[in-house]
Amino acid sequence: MVIGGGEIYEECLRRIFHNFSPLNQTLENLWYSFPSEQSLMTFVIYGIVVFILVRTIEKVSVRTFFPFVIFILLMLISISRMYLELELPSDILAGYVFGGVWLGFTIFTFEFLLLLKNSKTTNSVFKRKANL
């Protein structure tokens, strides 16, 4: 759901901005580059993995280590894409920003639905106790 929604979100953003990539293109091979699809989806996928790990692992050192490793990995991916001249820095940064927006929205939705589920369970328990 998170990944599929991220793909749809990314395609909508590309259609809104219509920014052609100036790197390594011919007239037959024009493609939109803003925001970077790879950066956006990498941020979303690794971000949701970190969120799940932080929510489920109780050991504090591991909960601190995983986000740090993922941050370093994201930086290395962005540096390699710039070094190989596959994408512009602005496209990569925009991919991370829009990926963060999508990740924040999905985490907020997850937490909101979890809160609703817990409140319904709590309300039904109180109603049963009141009927006794």
C-alpha atoms as a PDB file:
ATOM      1  CA  MET A   1       0.000   0.000   0.000  1.00  0.00           C
ATOM      2  CA  VAL A   2       2.771   2.429   0.937  1.00  0.00           C
ATOM      3  CA  ILE A   3       4.887   1.568  -2.113  1.00  0.00           C
ATOM      4  CA  GLY A   4       1.979   1.496  -4.579  1.00  0.00           C
ATOM      5  CA  GLY A   5       0.684   4.806  -3.270  1.00  0.00           C
ATOM      6  CA  GLY A   6       4.192   6.242  -3.483  1.00  0.00           C
ATOM      7  CA  GLU A   7       4.430   5.269  -7.149  1.00  0.00           C
ATOM      8  CA  ILE A   8       1.093   6.907  -7.947  1.00  0.00           C
ATOM      9  CA  TYR A   9       2.094   9.995  -5.927  1.00  0.00           C
ATOM     10  CA  GLU A  10       5.405  10.229  -7.801  1.00  0.00           C
ATOM     11  CA  GLU A  11       3.749   9.953 -11.221  1.00  0.00           C
ATOM     12  CA  CYS A  12       1.263  12.694 -10.286  1.00  0.00           C
ATOM     13  CA  LEU A  13       4.128  14.962  -9.214  1.00  0.00           C
ATOM     14  CA  ARG A  14       5.957  14.378 -12.491  1.00  0.00           C
ATOM     15  CA  ARG A  15       2.860  15.274 -14.460  1.00  0.00           C
ATOM     16  CA  ILE A  16       2.431  18.450 -12.413  1.00  0.00           C
ATOM     17  CA  PHE A  17       6.016  19.694 -12.806  1.00  0.00           C
ATOM     18  CA  HIS A  18       6.821  18.524 -16.387  1.00  0.00           C
ATOM     19  CA  ASN A  19      10.528  19.184 -15.904  1.00  0.00           C
ATOM     20  CA  PHE A  20      12.696  17.464 -18.526  1.00  0.00           C
ATOM     21  CA  SER A  21      16.078  16.163 -17.485  1.00  0.00           C
ATOM     22  CA  PRO A  22      19.000  17.982 -19.126  1.00  0.00           C
ATOM     23  CA  LEU A  23      21.363  15.051 -18.564  1.00  0.00           C
ATOM     24  CA  ASN A  24      22.235  12.482 -21.258  1.00  0.00           C
ATOM     25  CA  GLN A  25      19.179  12.925 -23.466  1.00  0.00           C
ATOM     26  CA  THR A  26      18.375  13.001 -27.124  1.00  0.00           C
ATOM     27  CA  LEU A  27      15.182  14.158 -28.763  1.00  0.00           C
ATOM     28  CA  GLU A  28      13.994  10.561 -29.064  1.00  0.00           C
ATOM     29  CA  ASN A  29      14.660   9.840 -25.407  1.00  0.00           C
ATOM     30  CA  LEU A  30      13.148  12.678 -23.363  1.00  0.00           C
ATOM     31  CA  TRP A  31      12.033  11.849 -19.828  1.00  0.00           C
ATOM     32  CA  TYR A  32      10.889  13.799 -16.838  1.00  0.00           C
ATOM     33  CA  SER A  33      13.373  13.953 -14.013  1.00  0.00           C
ATOM     34  CA  PHE A  34      11.767  16.079 -11.303  1.00  0.00           C
ATOM     35  CA  PRO A  35      11.363  14.760  -8.657  1.00  0.00           C
ATOM     36  CA  SER A  36      13.709  11.778  -8.743  1.00  0.00           C
ATOM     37  CA  GLU A  37      11.668   8.580  -8.712  1.00  0.00           C
ATOM     38  CA  GLN A  38      14.545   6.532  -7.314  1.00  0.00           C
ATOM     39  CA  SER A  39      15.166   8.980  -4.473  1.00  0.00           C
ATOM     40  CA  LEU A  40      11.484   9.268  -3.595  1.00  0.00           C
ATOM     41  CA  MET A  41      10.866   5.524  -3.567  1.00  0.00           C
ATOM     42  CA  THR A  42      14.141   4.773  -1.771  1.00  0.00           C
ATOM     43  CA  PHE A  43      13.204   7.222   0.961  1.00  0.00           C
ATOM     44  CA  VAL A  44       9.702   5.781   1.266  1.00  0.00           C
ATOM     45  CA  ILE A  45      10.779   2.118   1.324  1.00  0.00           C
ATOM     46  CA  TYR A  46      13.700   2.548   3.712  1.00  0.00           C
ATOM     47  CA  GLY A  47      11.686   4.971   5.827  1.00  0.00           C
ATOM     48  CA  ILE A  48       8.808   2.540   6.331  1.00  0.00           C
ATOM     49  CA  VAL A  49      11.292  -0.230   7.172  1.00  0.00           C
ATOM     50  CA  VAL A  50      12.905   1.991   9.812  1.00  0.00           C
ATOM     51  CA  PHE A  51       9.471   2.933  11.175  1.00  0.00           C
ATOM     52  CA  ILE A  52       8.465  -0.721  11.519  1.00  0.00           C
ATOM     53  CA  LEU A  53      11.791  -1.670  13.106  1.00  0.00           C
ATOM     54  CA  VAL A  54      11.693   1.208  15.583  1.00  0.00           C
ATOM     55  CA  ARG A  55       8.108   0.321  16.541  1.00  0.00           C
ATOM     56  CA  THR A  56       8.809  -3.384  17.053  1.00  0.00           C
ATOM     57  CA  ILE A  57      12.356  -3.602  18.458  1.00  0.00           C
ATOM     58  CA  GLU A  58      12.678  -2.830  22.155  1.00  0.00           C
ATOM     59  CA  LYS A  59      16.477  -2.616  22.426  1.00  0.00           C
ATOM     60  CA  VAL A  60      17.446   1.084  22.381  1.00  0.00           C
ATOM     61  CA  SER A  61      20.853   0.600  20.774  1.00  0.00           C
ATOM     62  CA  VAL A  62      19.321  -1.242  17.811  1.00  0.00           C
ATOM     63  CA  ARG A  63      16.537   1.352  17.512  1.00  0.00           C
ATOM     64  CA  THR A  64      19.201   4.052  17.264  1.00  0.00           C
ATOM     65  CA  PHE A  65      21.536   2.115  14.971  1.00  0.00           C
ATOM     66  CA  PHE A  66      19.056   1.317  12.163  1.00  0.00           C
ATOM     67  CA  PRO A  67      17.980   4.915  11.392  1.00  0.00           C
ATOM     68  CA  PHE A  68      21.635   5.999  11.384  1.00  0.00           C
ATOM     69  CA  VAL A  69      22.620   3.229   8.942  1.00  0.00           C
ATOM     70  CA  ILE A  70      19.679   4.019   6.658  1.00  0.00           C
ATOM     71  CA  PHE A  71      20.588   7.725   6.709  1.00  0.00           C
ATOM     72  CA  ILE A  72      24.161   6.913   5.646  1.00  0.00           C
ATOM     73  CA  LEU A  73      22.842   4.574   2.944  1.00  0.00           C
ATOM     74  CA  LEU A  74      20.519   7.296   1.579  1.00  0.00           C
ATOM     75  CA  MET A  75      23.399   9.762   1.465  1.00  0.00           C
ATOM     76  CA  LEU A  76      25.627   7.265  -0.390  1.00  0.00           C
ATOM     77  CA  ILE A  77      22.864   6.555  -2.911  1.00  0.00           C
ATOM     78  CA  SER A  78      22.347  10.259  -3.601  1.00  0.00           C
ATOM     79  CA  ILE A  79      26.087  10.928  -3.922  1.00  0.00           C
ATOM     80  CA  SER A  80      26.488   8.033  -6.348  1.00  0.00           C
ATOM     81  CA  ARG A  81      23.603   9.246  -8.529  1.00  0.00           C
ATOM     82  CA  MET A  82      25.142  12.726  -8.688  1.00  0.00           C
ATOM     83  CA  TYR A  83      28.655  11.373  -9.301  1.00  0.00           C
ATOM     84  CA  LEU A  84      27.471   9.187 -12.178  1.00  0.00           C
ATOM     85  CA  GLU A  85      25.565  12.204 -13.548  1.00  0.00           C
ATOM     86  CA  LEU A  86      22.283  10.319 -13.656  1.00  0.00           C
ATOM     87  CA  GLU A  87      20.310  13.020 -11.860  1.00  0.00           C
ATOM     88  CA  LEU A  88      20.642  16.600 -10.767  1.00  0.00           C
ATOM     89  CA  PRO A  89      21.062  17.393  -7.064  1.00  0.00           C
ATOM     90  CA  SER A  90      17.795  19.365  -7.080  1.00  0.00           C
ATOM     91  CA  ASP A  91      15.916  16.343  -8.450  1.00  0.00           C
ATOM     92  CA  ILE A  92      17.362  14.086  -5.757  1.00  0.00           C
ATOM     93  CA  LEU A  93      16.614  16.579  -2.985  1.00  0.00           C
ATOM     94  CA  ALA A  94      13.063  17.026  -4.250  1.00  0.00           C
ATOM     95  CA  GLY A  95      12.671  13.236  -4.316  1.00  0.00           C
ATOM     96  CA  TYR A  96      13.698  13.039  -0.677  1.00  0.00           C
ATOM     97  CA  VAL A  97      11.426  15.929   0.318  1.00  0.00           C
ATOM     98  CA  PHE A  98       8.363  14.564  -1.495  1.00  0.00           C
ATOM     99  CA  GLY A  99       9.218  11.058  -0.245  1.00  0.00           C
ATOM    100  CA  GLY A 100       9.265  12.442   3.284  1.00  0.00           C
ATOM    101  CA  VAL A 101       5.867  14.015   2.721  1.00  0.00           C
ATOM    102  CA  TRP A 102       4.413  10.716   1.485  1.00  0.00           C
ATOM    103  CA  LEU A 103       6.097   8.745   4.289  1.00  0.00           C
ATOM    104  CA  GLY A 104       4.798  11.210   6.890  1.00  0.00           C
ATOM    105  CA  PHE A 105       1.289  10.965   5.459  1.00  0.00           C
ATOM    106  CA  THR A 106       1.303   7.150   5.528  1.00  0.00           C
ATOM    107  CA  ILE A 107       2.718   6.985   9.059  1.00  0.00           C
ATOM    108  CA  PHE A 108       0.157   9.551  10.241  1.00  0.00           C
ATOM    109  CA  THR A 109      -2.635   7.532   8.609  1.00  0.00           C
ATOM    110  CA  PHE A 110      -1.363   4.318  10.202  1.00  0.00           C
ATOM    111  CA  GLU A 111      -1.158   5.895  13.650  1.00  0.00           C
ATOM    112  CA  PHE A 112      -4.596   7.506  13.251  1.00  0.00           C
ATOM    113  CA  LEU A 113      -6.211   4.201  12.255  1.00  0.00           C
ATOM    114  CA  LEU A 114      -4.461   2.443  15.145  1.00  0.00           C
ATOM    115  CA  LEU A 115      -5.774   5.112  17.531  1.00  0.00           C
ATOM    116  CA  LEU A 116      -9.311   4.697  16.174  1.00  0.00           C
ATOM    117  CA  LYS A 117      -9.085   0.928  16.554  1.00  0.00           C
ATOM    118  CA  ASN A 118      -7.864   1.242  20.150  1.00  0.00           C
ATOM    119  CA  SER A 119     -10.532   3.783  21.055  1.00  0.00           C
ATOM    120  CA  LYS A 120     -13.311   1.552  19.671  1.00  0.00           C
ATOM    121  CA  THR A 121     -11.951  -1.386  21.666  1.00  0.00           C
ATOM    122  CA  THR A 122     -11.740   0.722  24.811  1.00  0.00           C
ATOM    123  CA  ASN A 123     -15.255   2.116  24.324  1.00  0.00           C
ATOM    124  CA  SER A 124     -16.757  -1.351  23.829  1.00  0.00           C
ATOM    125  CA  VAL A 125     -15.053  -2.611  27.020  1.00  0.00           C
ATOM    126  CA  PHE A 126     -16.462   0.336  29.017  1.00  0.00           C
ATOM    127  CA  LYS A 127     -19.947  -0.235  27.564  1.00  0.00           C
ATOM    128  CA  ARG A 128     -19.842  -3.907  28.575  1.00  0.00           C
ATOM    129  CA  LYS A 129     -18.758  -3.005  32.118  1.00  0.00           C
ATOM    130  CA  ALA A 130     -21.532  -0.401  32.372  1.00  0.00           C
ATOM    131  CA  ASN A 131     -24.135  -2.986  31.363  1.00  0.00           C
ATOM    132  CA  LEU A 132     -23.026  -5.378  34.099  1.00  0.00           C
END
